[in-house]
C-alpha atoms as a PDB file:
ATOM      1  CA  UNK A   1      24.060  38.281  44.342  1.00  0.00           C
ATOM      2  CA  UNK A   2      27.487  37.654  45.830  1.00  0.00           C
ATOM      3  CA  UNK A   3      28.000  41.377  46.499  1.00  0.00           C
ATOM      4  CA  UNK A   4      24.691  41.672  48.351  1.00  0.00           C
ATOM      5  CA  UNK A   5      25.579  38.753  50.622  1.00  0.00           C
ATOM      6  CA  UNK A   6      28.992  40.231  51.369  1.00  0.00           C
ATOM      7  CA  UNK A   7      27.451  43.630  51.968  1.00  0.00           C
ATOM      8  CA  UNK A   8      24.890  42.144  54.363  1.00  0.00           C
ATOM      9  CA  UNK A   9      27.529  40.178  56.294  1.00  0.00           C
ATOM     10  CA  UNK A  10      29.826  43.194  56.580  1.00  0.00           C
ATOM     11  CA  UNK A  11      26.928  45.431  57.655  1.00  0.00           C
ATOM     12  CA  UNK A  12      25.955  42.897  60.319  1.00  0.00           C
ATOM     13  CA  UNK A  13      29.583  42.698  61.583  1.00  0.00           C
ATOM     14  CA  UNK A  14      29.788  46.510  61.635  1.00  0.00           C
ATOM     15  CA  UNK A  15      26.571  46.672  63.688  1.00  0.00           C
ATOM     16  CA  UNK A  16      27.862  44.070  66.173  1.00  0.00           C
ATOM     17  CA  UNK A  17      31.167  45.909  66.543  1.00  0.00           C
ATOM     18  CA  UNK A  18      29.410  49.240  67.046  1.00  0.00           C
ATOM     19  CA  UNK A  19      27.188  47.667  69.715  1.00  0.00           C
ATOM     20  CA  UNK A  20      30.220  46.151  71.449  1.00  0.00           C
ATOM     21  CA  UNK A  21      31.926  49.573  71.352  1.00  0.00           C
ATOM     22  CA  UNK A  22      28.938  51.148  73.126  1.00  0.00           C
ATOM     23  CA  UNK A  23      28.821  48.361  75.722  1.00  0.00           C
ATOM     24  CA  UNK A  24      32.552  48.676  76.454  1.00  0.00           C
ATOM     25  CA  UNK A  25      32.302  52.465  76.691  1.00  0.00           C
ATOM     26  CA  UNK A  26      29.477  52.167  79.249  1.00  0.00           C
ATOM     27  CA  UNK A  27      31.450  49.620  81.262  1.00  0.00           C
ATOM     28  CA  UNK A  28      34.481  51.889  81.244  1.00  0.00           C
ATOM     29  CA  UNK A  29      32.388  54.802  82.536  1.00  0.00           C
ATOM     30  CA  UNK A  30      30.954  52.639  85.331  1.00  0.00           C
ATOM     31  CA  UNK A  31      34.388  51.307  86.300  1.00  0.00           C
ATOM     32  CA  UNK A  32      35.915  54.799  86.407  1.00  0.00           C
ATOM     33  CA  UNK A  33      33.073  56.009  88.646  1.00  0.00           C
ATOM     34  CA  UNK A  34      33.584  53.028  90.955  1.00  0.00           C
ATOM     35  CA  UNK A  35      37.352  53.668  90.978  1.00  0.00           C
ATOM     36  CA  UNK A  36      36.841  57.291  92.001  1.00  0.00           C
ATOM     37  CA  UNK A  37      34.480  56.246  94.765  1.00  0.00           C
ATOM     38  CA  UNK A  38      36.872  53.588  96.048  1.00  0.00           C
ATOM     39  CA  UNK A  39      39.804  56.012  95.895  1.00  0.00           C
ATOM     40  CA  UNK A  40      37.942  58.397  98.185  1.00  0.00           C
ATOM     41  CA  UNK A  41      37.063  55.620 100.593  1.00  0.00           C
ATOM     42  CA  UNK A  42      40.666  54.409 100.642  1.00  0.00           C
ATOM     43  CA  UNK A  43      41.884  57.921 101.436  1.00  0.00           C
ATOM     44  CA  UNK A  44      39.449  58.156 104.356  1.00  0.00           C
ATOM     45  CA  UNK A  45      40.532  54.735 105.628  1.00  0.00           C
ATOM     46  CA  UNK A  46      44.206  55.687 105.411  1.00  0.00           C
ATOM     47  CA  UNK A  47      43.547  58.919 107.291  1.00  0.00           C
ATOM     48  CA  UNK A  48      41.704  57.012 110.034  1.00  0.00           C
ATOM     49  CA  UNK A  49      44.493  54.447 110.237  1.00  0.00           C
ATOM     50  CA  UNK A  50      47.111  57.181 110.525  1.00  0.00           C
ATOM     51  CA  UNK A  51      45.130  58.773 113.356  1.00  0.00           C
ATOM     52  CA  UNK A  52      44.879  55.472 115.213  1.00  0.00           C
ATOM     53  CA  UNK A  53      48.583  54.807 114.748  1.00  0.00           C
ATOM     54  CA  UNK A  54      49.430  58.305 115.982  1.00  0.00           C
ATOM     55  CA  UNK A  55      47.206  57.774 119.027  1.00  0.00           C
ATOM     56  CA  UNK A  56      48.874  54.441 119.760  1.00  0.00           C
ATOM     57  CA  UNK A  57      52.335  56.016 119.479  1.00  0.00           C
ATOM     58  CA  UNK A  58      51.325  58.887 121.759  1.00  0.00           C
ATOM     59  CA  UNK A  59      49.907  56.391 124.266  1.00  0.00           C
ATOM     60  CA  UNK A  60      53.120  54.413 124.183  1.00  0.00           C
ATOM     61  CA  UNK A  61      55.209  57.544 124.771  1.00  0.00           C
ATOM     62  CA  UNK A  62      52.885  58.592 127.608  1.00  0.00           C
ATOM     63  CA  UNK A  63      53.158  55.132 129.177  1.00  0.00           C
ATOM     64  CA  UNK A  64      56.965  55.325 129.056  1.00  0.00           C
ATOM     65  CA  UNK A  65      56.900  58.643 130.916  1.00  0.00           C
ATOM     66  CA  UNK A  66      54.156  57.639 133.384  1.00  0.00           C
ATOM     67  CA  UNK A  67      54.161  53.852 133.702  1.00  0.00           C
ATOM     68  CA  UNK A  68      50.779  52.259 134.379  1.00  0.00           C
ATOM     69  CA  UNK A  69      50.463  48.467 134.682  1.00  0.00           C
ATOM     70  CA  UNK A  70      46.984  48.375 133.140  1.00  0.00           C
ATOM     71  CA  UNK A  71      47.996  50.551 130.216  1.00  0.00           C
ATOM     72  CA  UNK A  72      51.136  48.455 129.705  1.00  0.00           C
ATOM     73  CA  UNK A  73      49.039  45.303 129.557  1.00  0.00           C
ATOM     74  CA  UNK A  74      46.669  46.868 127.026  1.00  0.00           C
ATOM     75  CA  UNK A  75      49.525  48.092 124.857  1.00  0.00           C
ATOM     76  CA  UNK A  76      51.218  44.690 124.942  1.00  0.00           C
ATOM     77  CA  UNK A  77      48.027  42.909 123.935  1.00  0.00           C
ATOM     78  CA  UNK A  78      47.461  45.395 121.099  1.00  0.00           C
ATOM     79  CA  UNK A  79      51.037  45.014 119.839  1.00  0.00           C
ATOM     80  CA  UNK A  80      50.933  41.212 119.915  1.00  0.00           C
ATOM     81  CA  UNK A  81      47.949  41.050 117.533  1.00  0.00           C
ATOM     82  CA  UNK A  82      48.945  40.686 113.869  1.00  0.00           C
ATOM     83  CA  UNK A  83      47.647  43.309 111.468  1.00  0.00           C
ATOM     84  CA  UNK A  84      44.586  42.124 109.553  1.00  0.00           C
ATOM     85  CA  UNK A  85      44.426  43.039 105.878  1.00  0.00           C
END
């Protein structure tokens, strides 16, 4: 009788651990898919940010060669704003 009880308890524990293993495997798969998706989005955002920074630098260089009061005011207002992250 004691062996049957032990066997039942151990079988139950094994079933619970197997179920938890499946659940954690599925969660890992979902997290890795989400990570890949977010990595792609981050790369696109970084590319867009680099383009905007390059445009701002080109505009600043252009304004130094050909001063324009309106452009200077716009550049100063853009530089005075803190970066939002």
